[in-house]
Amino acid sequence: MTSVSNGQSMIIQTERGLTIAGTRITLYDVMDYVSAQYPPKFIRAMLSLTDEQMNAALSYIKAHRAEVEAEYQTILQEAEELRQYWEEQNRELFARIAAKPPTPGTEAIRAKLQAAKAKFESRA
């Protein structure tokens, strides 16, 4: 574990996995941003971390890269399986919602959302 000068560990093992002490933020949350190549200052701001917490997280990831990467891949796989499960469980509900006619007066916002969705999907 990564420690600070007073001897307390900054990275701890919880039921959620490797976590930054004093927060609910896991190293897997940090890994999402690291994998997307966001700069540390951006990650720190997005997750509301102190410089000390951010440095501890990045140091731990660097020192234990293989272990953290393996756990991160497991977390991603479990999240995908969970997403697929809930998508299947709610398939009929989603179909019913999609089949409903639009609420009167929402045509403009729906058109704007569809345009934004098309723009987003064209980038992917």
Protein backbone atom coordinates (compact mmCIF):
# COMPACT_ATOMS: atom_id res chain seq x y z
CA MET A 1 0.00 0.00 0.00
CA THR A 2 1.11 3.59 -0.58
CA SER A 3 1.83 5.46 2.65
CA VAL A 4 2.11 9.09 3.64
CA SER A 5 4.67 10.52 6.05
CA ASN A 6 2.52 9.80 9.13
CA GLY A 7 2.50 6.10 8.27
CA GLN A 8 -1.16 5.85 7.24
CA SER A 9 -1.86 4.04 4.01
CA MET A 10 -3.35 6.19 1.21
CA ILE A 11 -4.49 3.17 -0.83
CA ILE A 12 -6.57 0.64 1.07
CA GLN A 13 -8.36 -2.58 0.23
CA THR A 14 -12.13 -2.36 0.79
CA GLU A 15 -15.10 -4.45 -0.31
CA ARG A 16 -15.14 -2.21 -3.41
CA GLY A 17 -11.50 -2.99 -4.24
CA LEU A 18 -8.43 -0.80 -4.02
CA THR A 19 -9.68 2.55 -2.74
CA ILE A 20 -8.16 5.94 -2.00
CA ALA A 21 -8.32 6.27 1.80
CA GLY A 22 -10.98 8.65 3.06
CA THR A 23 -12.95 8.49 -0.19
CA ARG A 24 -15.26 6.14 -2.07
CA ILE A 25 -13.04 6.48 -5.14
CA THR A 26 -11.43 3.27 -6.31
CA LEU A 27 -8.26 2.96 -8.33
CA TYR A 28 -10.50 1.59 -11.08
CA ASP A 29 -12.24 4.99 -11.22
CA VAL A 30 -8.81 6.56 -11.67
CA MET A 31 -7.89 3.89 -14.25
CA ASP A 32 -10.87 4.88 -16.40
CA TYR A 33 -9.27 8.30 -16.85
CA VAL A 34 -5.68 7.04 -17.01
CA SER A 35 -6.65 4.58 -19.76
CA ALA A 36 -8.29 7.42 -21.69
CA GLN A 37 -5.00 9.38 -21.29
CA TYR A 38 -6.46 12.31 -19.37
CA PRO A 39 -3.87 14.50 -17.59
CA PRO A 40 -3.49 14.05 -13.83
CA LYS A 41 -4.75 17.58 -13.06
CA PHE A 42 -7.98 16.83 -14.96
CA ILE A 43 -8.43 13.50 -13.18
CA ARG A 44 -7.79 15.14 -9.80
CA ALA A 45 -10.40 17.80 -10.52
CA MET A 46 -12.99 15.36 -11.88
CA LEU A 47 -12.70 13.10 -8.84
CA SER A 48 -12.26 15.95 -6.31
CA LEU A 49 -8.96 14.58 -5.02
CA THR A 50 -6.15 16.37 -3.25
CA ASP A 51 -2.70 16.47 -4.81
CA GLU A 52 -1.56 13.97 -2.17
CA GLN A 53 -4.40 11.55 -2.97
CA MET A 54 -3.84 11.84 -6.71
CA ASN A 55 -0.09 11.30 -6.36
CA ALA A 56 -0.67 8.27 -4.11
CA ALA A 57 -3.11 6.74 -6.61
CA LEU A 58 -0.80 7.28 -9.59
CA SER A 59 2.23 6.03 -7.63
CA TYR A 60 0.37 2.88 -6.58
CA ILE A 61 -0.80 2.24 -10.13
CA LYS A 62 2.74 2.72 -11.44
CA ALA A 63 4.31 0.49 -8.77
CA HIS A 64 1.71 -2.29 -9.14
CA ARG A 65 0.72 -1.83 -12.79
CA ALA A 66 0.24 -5.51 -13.67
CA GLU A 67 -1.89 -6.25 -10.58
CA VAL A 68 -4.03 -3.12 -10.94
CA GLU A 69 -4.45 -3.65 -14.68
CA ALA A 70 -5.57 -7.27 -14.14
CA GLU A 71 -8.11 -6.23 -11.49
CA TYR A 72 -9.27 -3.35 -13.70
CA GLN A 73 -9.92 -5.73 -16.61
CA THR A 74 -11.92 -7.99 -14.28
CA ILE A 75 -13.98 -4.99 -13.13
CA LEU A 76 -14.63 -3.94 -16.75
CA GLN A 77 -15.73 -7.48 -17.65
CA GLU A 78 -18.09 -7.67 -14.65
CA ALA A 79 -19.55 -4.27 -15.52
CA GLU A 80 -20.18 -5.37 -19.10
CA GLU A 81 -21.85 -8.59 -17.94
CA LEU A 82 -24.04 -6.59 -15.55
CA ARG A 83 -24.96 -4.12 -18.30
CA GLN A 84 -25.94 -6.97 -20.62
CA TYR A 85 -27.98 -8.63 -17.89
CA TRP A 86 -29.97 -5.47 -17.09
CA GLU A 87 -30.41 -4.66 -20.75
CA GLU A 88 -31.90 -8.11 -21.29
CA GLN A 89 -34.09 -7.83 -18.17
CA ASN A 90 -35.46 -4.50 -19.36
CA ARG A 91 -35.67 -5.18 -23.11
CA GLU A 92 -39.50 -5.20 -23.13
CA LEU A 93 -39.69 -2.03 -21.04
CA PHE A 94 -37.28 -0.23 -23.37
CA ALA A 95 -39.33 -1.37 -26.38
CA ARG A 96 -42.57 -0.08 -24.81
CA ILE A 97 -40.98 3.26 -23.99
CA ALA A 98 -39.53 3.59 -27.50
CA ALA A 99 -42.94 2.79 -29.03
CA LYS A 100 -44.73 5.55 -27.11
CA PRO A 101 -45.53 8.67 -29.11
CA PRO A 102 -43.60 11.78 -28.12
CA THR A 103 -45.16 14.07 -25.55
CA PRO A 104 -46.76 17.06 -27.29
CA GLY A 105 -44.56 20.14 -27.17
CA THR A 106 -41.25 18.23 -27.01
CA GLU A 107 -40.58 18.05 -30.75
CA ALA A 108 -37.85 20.72 -30.72
CA ILE A 109 -35.88 19.19 -27.86
CA ARG A 110 -36.22 15.70 -29.36
CA ALA A 111 -34.85 16.96 -32.67
CA LYS A 112 -31.93 18.60 -30.86
CA LEU A 113 -31.20 15.38 -28.93
CA GLN A 114 -31.36 13.29 -32.11
CA ALA A 115 -28.92 15.66 -33.83
CA ALA A 116 -26.52 15.48 -30.88
CA LYS A 117 -26.80 11.67 -30.82
CA ALA A 118 -26.09 11.45 -34.55
CA LYS A 119 -23.05 13.73 -34.16
CA PHE A 120 -21.76 11.65 -31.23
CA GLU A 121 -22.25 8.35 -33.08
CA SER A 122 -20.48 9.66 -36.18
CA ARG A 123 -17.36 10.25 -34.05
CA ALA A 124 -17.32 6.71 -32.67
